[in-house]
């Protein structure tokens, strides 16, 4: 994605160099001319995490009052939004991996959905860029999912998690084929975080870039349809990232006999 200066870039620059500096010059910490654009994605990601935490605490405070939480609200509020949002992704996880595993692994699924969704939404706020348009952020999220689903797989099945990657045992005569299957499965597993990261980054980067171009050309009315298309991209990319994460966890935590039954 081409570099462009946003409000957050100017804010970080002012914190390190002073508001009187109008050009991006040497920083106080490094003594050289750093790329302030490199700081923007992680800072925006931290901002997203803080926003999610504050919204979660606000919603949790309501559910702590039992008399109020059992009465359905007549309008869309923060509580009903979280109920609908998280309820949808829980139903999706339950359909993919069953109710028992969905309940066990839903915290990571919910965290991924919340972070990706709110990060994507940042692209609709003037002066901000979505952190998910940066490969460093999306690759970090994908690597976390990669580490977790492998950890869950080893914890659930032990050595059987690696054994199923060789395919059904064909005897000593079929050992070369088992080795080939293992290599293919290993490459496929290692490629998963790359495809997760690149898919999300490219879609959000292109979406944000097109929105910025239209807003720069036509600041009134015309960008609105483009922003509606951006909302669709935001929802679809959140769903795709979370669905693939659920599938990877489901495949890794299947019991050995289930692998044999589906082979």
C-alpha atoms as a PDB file:
ATOM      1  CA  UNK A   1       0.000   0.000   0.000  1.00  0.00           C
ATOM      2  CA  UNK A   2       1.471   3.436  -0.885  1.00  0.00           C
ATOM      3  CA  UNK A   3       2.560   5.427   2.173  1.00  0.00           C
ATOM      4  CA  UNK A   4       0.396   8.399   3.066  1.00  0.00           C
ATOM      5  CA  UNK A   5       0.301  10.627   6.111  1.00  0.00           C
ATOM      6  CA  UNK A   6      -2.703  10.343   8.402  1.00  0.00           C
ATOM      7  CA  UNK A   7      -3.714  12.144  11.558  1.00  0.00           C
ATOM      8  CA  UNK A   8      -1.978   9.530  13.675  1.00  0.00           C
ATOM      9  CA  UNK A   9       1.263   9.968  11.716  1.00  0.00           C
ATOM     10  CA  UNK A  10       1.214  13.695  12.449  1.00  0.00           C
ATOM     11  CA  UNK A  11       0.440  13.019  16.112  1.00  0.00           C
ATOM     12  CA  UNK A  12       3.386  10.658  16.534  1.00  0.00           C
ATOM     13  CA  UNK A  13       5.640  13.106  14.688  1.00  0.00           C
ATOM     14  CA  UNK A  14       4.564  15.954  16.968  1.00  0.00           C
ATOM     15  CA  UNK A  15       5.173  13.872  20.114  1.00  0.00           C
ATOM     16  CA  UNK A  16       8.770  13.175  19.121  1.00  0.00           C
ATOM     17  CA  UNK A  17       9.674  16.410  17.331  1.00  0.00           C
ATOM     18  CA  UNK A  18       7.352  19.054  18.670  1.00  0.00           C
ATOM     19  CA  UNK A  19       4.231  20.552  17.062  1.00  0.00           C
ATOM     20  CA  UNK A  20       6.181  23.466  15.590  1.00  0.00           C
ATOM     21  CA  UNK A  21       7.979  21.166  13.118  1.00  0.00           C
ATOM     22  CA  UNK A  22       6.035  20.904   9.886  1.00  0.00           C
ATOM     23  CA  UNK A  23       8.359  18.482   8.087  1.00  0.00           C
ATOM     24  CA  UNK A  24       9.313  14.980   9.046  1.00  0.00           C
ATOM     25  CA  UNK A  25      12.861  15.520  10.329  1.00  0.00           C
ATOM     26  CA  UNK A  26      15.250  13.716  12.715  1.00  0.00           C
ATOM     27  CA  UNK A  27      13.687  12.224  15.825  1.00  0.00           C
ATOM     28  CA  UNK A  28      14.737  12.845  19.409  1.00  0.00           C
ATOM     29  CA  UNK A  29      15.282   9.175  20.189  1.00  0.00           C
ATOM     30  CA  UNK A  30      17.200   8.022  17.152  1.00  0.00           C
ATOM     31  CA  UNK A  31      18.900  11.190  15.907  1.00  0.00           C
ATOM     32  CA  UNK A  32      18.036  10.140  12.359  1.00  0.00           C
ATOM     33  CA  UNK A  33      15.077  10.499  10.064  1.00  0.00           C
ATOM     34  CA  UNK A  34      12.783   7.573  10.928  1.00  0.00           C
ATOM     35  CA  UNK A  35       9.808   6.433   8.923  1.00  0.00           C
ATOM     36  CA  UNK A  36       6.849   7.551  10.982  1.00  0.00           C
ATOM     37  CA  UNK A  37       4.572   5.485   8.784  1.00  0.00           C
ATOM     38  CA  UNK A  38       6.123   2.363  10.300  1.00  0.00           C
ATOM     39  CA  UNK A  39       4.824   3.394  13.729  1.00  0.00           C
ATOM     40  CA  UNK A  40       1.261   3.940  12.610  1.00  0.00           C
ATOM     41  CA  UNK A  41      -0.008   0.324  12.232  1.00  0.00           C
ATOM     42  CA  UNK A  42       1.142  -0.898  15.688  1.00  0.00           C
ATOM     43  CA  UNK A  43      -0.105   2.276  17.367  1.00  0.00           C
ATOM     44  CA  UNK A  44      -3.473   1.971  15.656  1.00  0.00           C
ATOM     45  CA  UNK A  45      -3.593  -1.706  16.659  1.00  0.00           C
ATOM     46  CA  UNK A  46      -2.967  -0.727  20.286  1.00  0.00           C
ATOM     47  CA  UNK A  47      -5.733   1.869  19.974  1.00  0.00           C
ATOM     48  CA  UNK A  48      -8.088  -0.840  18.677  1.00  0.00           C
ATOM     49  CA  UNK A  49      -7.229  -3.113  21.608  1.00  0.00           C
ATOM     50  CA  UNK A  50      -7.888  -0.290  24.088  1.00  0.00           C
ATOM     51  CA  UNK A  51     -11.241   0.485  22.437  1.00  0.00           C
ATOM     52  CA  UNK A  52     -12.293  -3.175  22.544  1.00  0.00           C
ATOM     53  CA  UNK A  53     -11.265  -3.437  26.206  1.00  0.00           C
ATOM     54  CA  UNK A  54     -13.232  -0.311  27.156  1.00  0.00           C
ATOM     55  CA  UNK A  55     -16.316  -1.454  25.241  1.00  0.00           C
ATOM     56  CA  UNK A  56     -16.039  -4.890  26.835  1.00  0.00           C
ATOM     57  CA  UNK A  57     -15.818  -3.427  30.333  1.00  0.00           C
ATOM     58  CA  UNK A  58     -18.796  -1.201  29.607  1.00  0.00           C
ATOM     59  CA  UNK A  59     -20.865  -4.152  28.392  1.00  0.00           C
ATOM     60  CA  UNK A  60     -19.723  -6.385  31.254  1.00  0.00           C
ATOM     61  CA  UNK A  61     -20.888  -3.796  33.781  1.00  0.00           C
ATOM     62  CA  UNK A  62     -24.419  -4.102  32.435  1.00  0.00           C
ATOM     63  CA  UNK A  63     -24.459  -7.886  32.630  1.00  0.00           C
ATOM     64  CA  UNK A  64     -23.222  -7.720  36.205  1.00  0.00           C
ATOM     65  CA  UNK A  65     -26.670  -6.342  37.089  1.00  0.00           C
ATOM     66  CA  UNK A  66     -28.813  -9.452  36.803  1.00  0.00           C
ATOM     67  CA  UNK A  67     -32.187  -7.680  36.899  1.00  0.00           C
ATOM     68  CA  UNK A  68     -31.257  -5.477  33.939  1.00  0.00           C
ATOM     69  CA  UNK A  69     -29.445  -8.086  31.861  1.00  0.00           C
ATOM     70  CA  UNK A  70     -32.374 -10.539  31.686  1.00  0.00           C
ATOM     71  CA  UNK A  71     -34.706  -7.919  30.174  1.00  0.00           C
ATOM     72  CA  UNK A  72     -34.308  -7.672  26.376  1.00  0.00           C
ATOM     73  CA  UNK A  73     -33.528  -4.176  25.157  1.00  0.00           C
ATOM     74  CA  UNK A  74     -35.974  -2.608  22.716  1.00  0.00           C
ATOM     75  CA  UNK A  75     -33.304  -0.878  20.610  1.00  0.00           C
ATOM     76  CA  UNK A  76     -29.818  -1.535  19.348  1.00  0.00           C
ATOM     77  CA  UNK A  77     -27.346  -0.838  22.125  1.00  0.00           C
ATOM     78  CA  UNK A  78     -23.767  -1.799  22.828  1.00  0.00           C
ATOM     79  CA  UNK A  79     -24.954  -4.912  24.660  1.00  0.00           C
ATOM     80  CA  UNK A  80     -27.229  -6.100  21.865  1.00  0.00           C
ATOM     81  CA  UNK A  81     -24.492  -5.420  19.309  1.00  0.00           C
ATOM     82  CA  UNK A  82     -22.056  -7.674  21.159  1.00  0.00           C
ATOM     83  CA  UNK A  83     -24.748 -10.329  21.612  1.00  0.00           C
ATOM     84  CA  UNK A  84     -25.520 -10.406  17.896  1.00  0.00           C
ATOM     85  CA  UNK A  85     -21.906 -10.103  16.789  1.00  0.00           C
ATOM     86  CA  UNK A  86     -20.415 -12.722  19.090  1.00  0.00           C
ATOM     87  CA  UNK A  87     -23.479 -14.947  18.814  1.00  0.00           C
ATOM     88  CA  UNK A  88     -23.056 -15.120  15.043  1.00  0.00           C
ATOM     89  CA  UNK A  89     -19.410 -16.155  15.272  1.00  0.00           C
ATOM     90  CA  UNK A  90     -20.152 -18.659  18.029  1.00  0.00           C
ATOM     91  CA  UNK A  91     -22.791 -20.300  15.835  1.00  0.00           C
ATOM     92  CA  UNK A  92     -20.250 -20.392  13.005  1.00  0.00           C
ATOM     93  CA  UNK A  93     -17.613 -22.014  15.236  1.00  0.00           C
ATOM     94  CA  UNK A  94     -20.174 -24.515  16.523  1.00  0.00           C
ATOM     95  CA  UNK A  95     -21.102 -25.527  12.981  1.00  0.00           C
ATOM     96  CA  UNK A  96     -17.425 -26.002  12.107  1.00  0.00           C
ATOM     97  CA  UNK A  97     -16.114 -27.854  15.167  1.00  0.00           C
ATOM     98  CA  UNK A  98     -19.125 -28.905  17.224  1.00  0.00           C
ATOM     99  CA  UNK A  99     -20.538 -27.411  20.445  1.00  0.00           C
ATOM    100  CA  UNK A 100     -17.929 -28.855  22.833  1.00  0.00           C
ATOM    101  CA  UNK A 101     -14.864 -27.601  21.005  1.00  0.00           C
ATOM    102  CA  UNK A 102     -16.596 -24.363  20.000  1.00  0.00           C
ATOM    103  CA  UNK A 103     -17.135 -23.507  23.657  1.00  0.00           C
ATOM    104  CA  UNK A 104     -13.538 -24.438  24.502  1.00  0.00           C
ATOM    105  CA  UNK A 105     -11.835 -22.510  21.701  1.00  0.00           C
ATOM    106  CA  UNK A 106     -14.302 -19.674  21.247  1.00  0.00           C
ATOM    107  CA  UNK A 107     -12.189 -17.082  23.168  1.00  0.00           C
ATOM    108  CA  UNK A 108      -9.535 -17.087  20.427  1.00  0.00           C
ATOM    109  CA  UNK A 109     -12.211 -17.050  17.701  1.00  0.00           C
ATOM    110  CA  UNK A 110     -14.034 -14.152  19.355  1.00  0.00           C
ATOM    111  CA  UNK A 111     -10.792 -12.231  19.914  1.00  0.00           C
ATOM    112  CA  UNK A 112      -9.835 -12.635  16.254  1.00  0.00           C
ATOM    113  CA  UNK A 113     -13.280 -11.512  15.076  1.00  0.00           C
ATOM    114  CA  UNK A 114     -13.301  -8.475  17.354  1.00  0.00           C
ATOM    115  CA  UNK A 115      -9.779  -7.340  16.518  1.00  0.00           C
ATOM    116  CA  UNK A 116     -10.105  -7.788  12.762  1.00  0.00           C
ATOM    117  CA  UNK A 117     -13.545  -6.153  12.640  1.00  0.00           C
ATOM    118  CA  UNK A 118     -12.660  -3.063  14.676  1.00  0.00           C
ATOM    119  CA  UNK A 119      -9.296  -2.749  12.923  1.00  0.00           C
ATOM    120  CA  UNK A 120     -11.052  -2.789   9.564  1.00  0.00           C
ATOM    121  CA  UNK A 121     -13.578  -0.205  10.773  1.00  0.00           C
ATOM    122  CA  UNK A 122     -10.697   2.199  11.428  1.00  0.00           C
ATOM    123  CA  UNK A 123     -10.394   2.632   7.677  1.00  0.00           C
ATOM    124  CA  UNK A 124     -13.797   4.379   7.608  1.00  0.00           C
ATOM    125  CA  UNK A 125     -12.697   7.040  10.109  1.00  0.00           C
ATOM    126  CA  UNK A 126     -11.170  10.129   8.452  1.00  0.00           C
ATOM    127  CA  UNK A 127      -7.557  10.624   9.499  1.00  0.00           C
ATOM    128  CA  UNK A 128      -6.940   6.983  10.368  1.00  0.00           C
ATOM    129  CA  UNK A 129      -5.820   3.929   8.428  1.00  0.00           C
ATOM    130  CA  UNK A 130      -6.805   0.331   9.273  1.00  0.00           C
ATOM    131  CA  UNK A 131      -3.924  -1.539  10.927  1.00  0.00           C
ATOM    132  CA  UNK A 132      -5.015  -4.600   8.949  1.00  0.00           C
ATOM    133  CA  UNK A 133      -3.768  -2.868   5.792  1.00  0.00           C
ATOM    134  CA  UNK A 134      -0.230  -3.493   7.103  1.00  0.00           C
ATOM    135  CA  UNK A 135       1.392  -6.880   6.527  1.00  0.00           C
ATOM    136  CA  UNK A 136       3.194  -6.686   9.866  1.00  0.00           C
ATOM    137  CA  UNK A 137      -0.137  -6.622  11.734  1.00  0.00           C
ATOM    138  CA  UNK A 138      -1.952  -9.243   9.676  1.00  0.00           C
ATOM    139  CA  UNK A 139       1.089 -11.536   9.717  1.00  0.00           C
ATOM    140  CA  UNK A 140       1.278 -11.192  13.491  1.00  0.00           C
ATOM    141  CA  UNK A 141      -2.392 -12.178  13.821  1.00  0.00           C
ATOM    142  CA  UNK A 142      -1.948 -15.095  11.411  1.00  0.00           C
ATOM    143  CA  UNK A 143       1.180 -16.344  13.200  1.00  0.00           C
ATOM    144  CA  UNK A 144      -0.677 -16.262  16.514  1.00  0.00           C
ATOM    145  CA  UNK A 145      -3.454 -18.395  15.002  1.00  0.00           C
ATOM    146  CA  UNK A 146      -0.786 -20.702  13.505  1.00  0.00           C
ATOM    147  CA  UNK A 147       0.937 -21.182  16.871  1.00  0.00           C
ATOM    148  CA  UNK A 148      -2.327 -21.735  18.702  1.00  0.00           C
ATOM    149  CA  UNK A 149      -3.896 -24.296  16.372  1.00  0.00           C
ATOM    150  CA  UNK A 150      -0.658 -26.314  16.328  1.00  0.00           C
ATOM    151  CA  UNK A 151      -0.448 -26.093  20.116  1.00  0.00           C
ATOM    152  CA  UNK A 152      -4.079 -27.188  20.482  1.00  0.00           C
ATOM    153  CA  UNK A 153      -3.481 -30.037  18.039  1.00  0.00           C
ATOM    154  CA  UNK A 154      -0.420 -31.322  19.925  1.00  0.00           C
ATOM    155  CA  UNK A 155      -2.160 -30.897  23.268  1.00  0.00           C
ATOM    156  CA  UNK A 156      -5.238 -32.800  22.103  1.00  0.00           C
ATOM    157  CA  UNK A 157      -3.670 -35.597  20.064  1.00  0.00           C
ATOM    158  CA  UNK A 158      -0.021 -35.638  21.110  1.00  0.00           C
ATOM    159  CA  UNK A 159       2.196 -37.378  18.571  1.00  0.00           C
ATOM    160  CA  UNK A 160      -0.956 -38.423  16.732  1.00  0.00           C
ATOM    161  CA  UNK A 161      -1.236 -34.831  15.482  1.00  0.00           C
ATOM    162  CA  UNK A 162       1.984 -35.309  13.501  1.00  0.00           C
ATOM    163  CA  UNK A 163       1.110 -38.898  12.612  1.00  0.00           C
ATOM    164  CA  UNK A 164      -2.081 -37.968  10.780  1.00  0.00           C
ATOM    165  CA  UNK A 165      -0.057 -35.646   8.523  1.00  0.00           C
ATOM    166  CA  UNK A 166       1.547 -38.723   6.948  1.00  0.00           C
ATOM    167  CA  UNK A 167      -1.796 -40.087   5.786  1.00  0.00           C
ATOM    168  CA  UNK A 168      -2.940 -43.696   6.316  1.00  0.00           C
ATOM    169  CA  UNK A 169      -0.094 -46.137   6.944  1.00  0.00           C
ATOM    170  CA  UNK A 170       0.537 -48.149   3.757  1.00  0.00           C
ATOM    171  CA  UNK A 171       3.204 -50.480   5.116  1.00  0.00           C
ATOM    172  CA  UNK A 172       6.925 -50.323   4.512  1.00  0.00           C
ATOM    173  CA  UNK A 173       6.402 -50.517   0.770  1.00  0.00           C
ATOM    174  CA  UNK A 174       4.335 -47.345   0.898  1.00  0.00           C
ATOM    175  CA  UNK A 175       6.777 -45.460   3.157  1.00  0.00           C
ATOM    176  CA  UNK A 176       7.982 -43.119   0.357  1.00  0.00           C
ATOM    177  CA  UNK A 177       4.374 -42.145  -0.326  1.00  0.00           C
ATOM    178  CA  UNK A 178       3.796 -41.449   3.370  1.00  0.00           C
ATOM    179  CA  UNK A 179       6.894 -39.255   3.432  1.00  0.00           C
ATOM    180  CA  UNK A 180       5.663 -37.367   0.373  1.00  0.00           C
ATOM    181  CA  UNK A 181       2.254 -36.836   1.963  1.00  0.00           C
ATOM    182  CA  UNK A 182       3.934 -35.560   5.144  1.00  0.00           C
ATOM    183  CA  UNK A 183       6.023 -33.041   3.187  1.00  0.00           C
ATOM    184  CA  UNK A 184       2.956 -31.796   1.310  1.00  0.00           C
ATOM    185  CA  UNK A 185       0.935 -31.501   4.514  1.00  0.00           C
ATOM    186  CA  UNK A 186       3.807 -29.717   6.259  1.00  0.00           C
ATOM    187  CA  UNK A 187       4.128 -27.174   3.453  1.00  0.00           C
ATOM    188  CA  UNK A 188       0.361 -26.689   3.363  1.00  0.00           C
ATOM    189  CA  UNK A 189       0.270 -26.074   7.133  1.00  0.00           C
ATOM    190  CA  UNK A 190       3.160 -23.614   7.051  1.00  0.00           C
ATOM    191  CA  UNK A 191       1.597 -21.674   4.161  1.00  0.00           C
ATOM    192  CA  UNK A 192      -1.648 -21.091   6.069  1.00  0.00           C
ATOM    193  CA  UNK A 193      -0.492 -18.042   8.070  1.00  0.00           C
ATOM    194  CA  UNK A 194       0.944 -16.469   4.906  1.00  0.00           C
ATOM    195  CA  UNK A 195      -2.337 -16.818   3.009  1.00  0.00           C
ATOM    196  CA  UNK A 196      -4.312 -15.555   6.012  1.00  0.00           C
ATOM    197  CA  UNK A 197      -2.085 -12.499   6.373  1.00  0.00           C
ATOM    198  CA  UNK A 198      -1.723 -11.585   2.696  1.00  0.00           C
ATOM    199  CA  UNK A 199      -5.426 -12.040   1.890  1.00  0.00           C
ATOM    200  CA  UNK A 200      -6.548  -9.751   4.701  1.00  0.00           C
ATOM    201  CA  UNK A 201      -3.812  -7.166   4.115  1.00  0.00           C
ATOM    202  CA  UNK A 202      -4.359  -6.860   0.359  1.00  0.00           C
ATOM    203  CA  UNK A 203      -8.130  -6.577   0.595  1.00  0.00           C
ATOM    204  CA  UNK A 204      -8.036  -3.930   3.317  1.00  0.00           C
ATOM    205  CA  UNK A 205      -5.149  -2.004   1.728  1.00  0.00           C
ATOM    206  CA  UNK A 206      -6.896  -1.823  -1.654  1.00  0.00           C
ATOM    207  CA  UNK A 207     -10.232  -0.964  -0.052  1.00  0.00           C
ATOM    208  CA  UNK A 208      -8.703   1.848   2.017  1.00  0.00           C
ATOM    209  CA  UNK A 209      -6.699   3.131  -0.937  1.00  0.00           C
ATOM    210  CA  UNK A 210      -9.775   3.319  -3.201  1.00  0.00           C
ATOM    211  CA  UNK A 211     -11.746   5.048  -0.462  1.00  0.00           C
ATOM    212  CA  UNK A 212      -8.971   7.599   0.042  1.00  0.00           C
ATOM    213  CA  UNK A 213      -8.782   8.285  -3.692  1.00  0.00           C
ATOM    214  CA  UNK A 214     -12.522   8.881  -4.027  1.00  0.00           C
ATOM    215  CA  UNK A 215     -12.625  11.068  -0.917  1.00  0.00           C
ATOM    216  CA  UNK A 216      -9.698  13.078  -2.278  1.00  0.00           C
ATOM    217  CA  UNK A 217     -11.426  13.555  -5.630  1.00  0.00           C
ATOM    218  CA  UNK A 218     -14.997  14.070  -4.436  1.00  0.00           C
ATOM    219  CA  UNK A 219     -15.295  14.958  -0.773  1.00  0.00           C
ATOM    220  CA  UNK A 220     -19.112  15.163  -0.731  1.00  0.00           C
ATOM    221  CA  UNK A 221     -21.757  12.489  -1.428  1.00  0.00           C
ATOM    222  CA  UNK A 222     -19.920  10.421  -4.071  1.00  0.00           C
ATOM    223  CA  UNK A 223     -17.637   8.604  -1.576  1.00  0.00           C
ATOM    224  CA  UNK A 224     -20.720   7.342   0.321  1.00  0.00           C
ATOM    225  CA  UNK A 225     -21.426   4.370  -2.031  1.00  0.00           C
ATOM    226  CA  UNK A 226     -17.723   3.518  -1.927  1.00  0.00           C
ATOM    227  CA  UNK A 227     -17.883   3.518   1.880  1.00  0.00           C
ATOM    228  CA  UNK A 228     -20.886   1.159   1.751  1.00  0.00           C
ATOM    229  CA  UNK A 229     -18.827  -1.184  -0.422  1.00  0.00           C
ATOM    230  CA  UNK A 230     -16.055  -0.793   2.132  1.00  0.00           C
ATOM    231  CA  UNK A 231     -18.420  -1.967   4.873  1.00  0.00           C
ATOM    232  CA  UNK A 232     -19.149  -5.108   2.852  1.00  0.00           C
ATOM    233  CA  UNK A 233     -15.407  -5.733   2.445  1.00  0.00           C
ATOM    234  CA  UNK A 234     -14.920  -5.236   6.199  1.00  0.00           C
ATOM    235  CA  UNK A 235     -17.607  -7.783   7.077  1.00  0.00           C
ATOM    236  CA  UNK A 236     -16.484 -10.328   4.483  1.00  0.00           C
ATOM    237  CA  UNK A 237     -12.817 -10.154   5.489  1.00  0.00           C
ATOM    238  CA  UNK A 238     -13.712 -10.515   9.177  1.00  0.00           C
ATOM    239  CA  UNK A 239     -15.811 -13.561   8.343  1.00  0.00           C
ATOM    240  CA  UNK A 240     -13.132 -15.135   6.109  1.00  0.00           C
ATOM    241  CA  UNK A 241     -10.317 -14.686   8.637  1.00  0.00           C
ATOM    242  CA  UNK A 242     -12.424 -16.049  11.505  1.00  0.00           C
ATOM    243  CA  UNK A 243     -13.890 -18.919   9.493  1.00  0.00           C
ATOM    244  CA  UNK A 244     -10.466 -20.105   8.306  1.00  0.00           C
ATOM    245  CA  UNK A 245      -9.128 -19.839  11.857  1.00  0.00           C
ATOM    246  CA  UNK A 246     -12.033 -21.998  13.072  1.00  0.00           C
ATOM    247  CA  UNK A 247     -11.400 -24.562  10.343  1.00  0.00           C
ATOM    248  CA  UNK A 248      -7.687 -24.765  11.162  1.00  0.00           C
ATOM    249  CA  UNK A 249      -8.391 -25.284  14.862  1.00  0.00           C
ATOM    250  CA  UNK A 250     -11.093 -27.851  14.063  1.00  0.00           C
ATOM    251  CA  UNK A 251      -8.745 -29.853  11.812  1.00  0.00           C
ATOM    252  CA  UNK A 252      -5.926 -29.727  14.357  1.00  0.00           C
ATOM    253  CA  UNK A 253      -8.068 -30.855  17.303  1.00  0.00           C
ATOM    254  CA  UNK A 254      -9.867 -33.736  15.623  1.00  0.00           C
ATOM    255  CA  UNK A 255      -9.162 -37.009  17.354  1.00  0.00           C
ATOM    256  CA  UNK A 256      -7.053 -39.587  15.563  1.00  0.00           C
ATOM    257  CA  UNK A 257      -9.977 -41.896  14.998  1.00  0.00           C
ATOM    258  CA  UNK A 258     -11.895 -39.049  13.378  1.00  0.00           C
ATOM    259  CA  UNK A 259      -9.017 -38.528  10.940  1.00  0.00           C
ATOM    260  CA  UNK A 260      -9.101 -42.202  10.097  1.00  0.00           C
ATOM    261  CA  UNK A 261     -12.841 -42.092   9.579  1.00  0.00           C
ATOM    262  CA  UNK A 262     -12.630 -39.126   7.188  1.00  0.00           C
ATOM    263  CA  UNK A 263      -9.612 -40.437   5.273  1.00  0.00           C
END
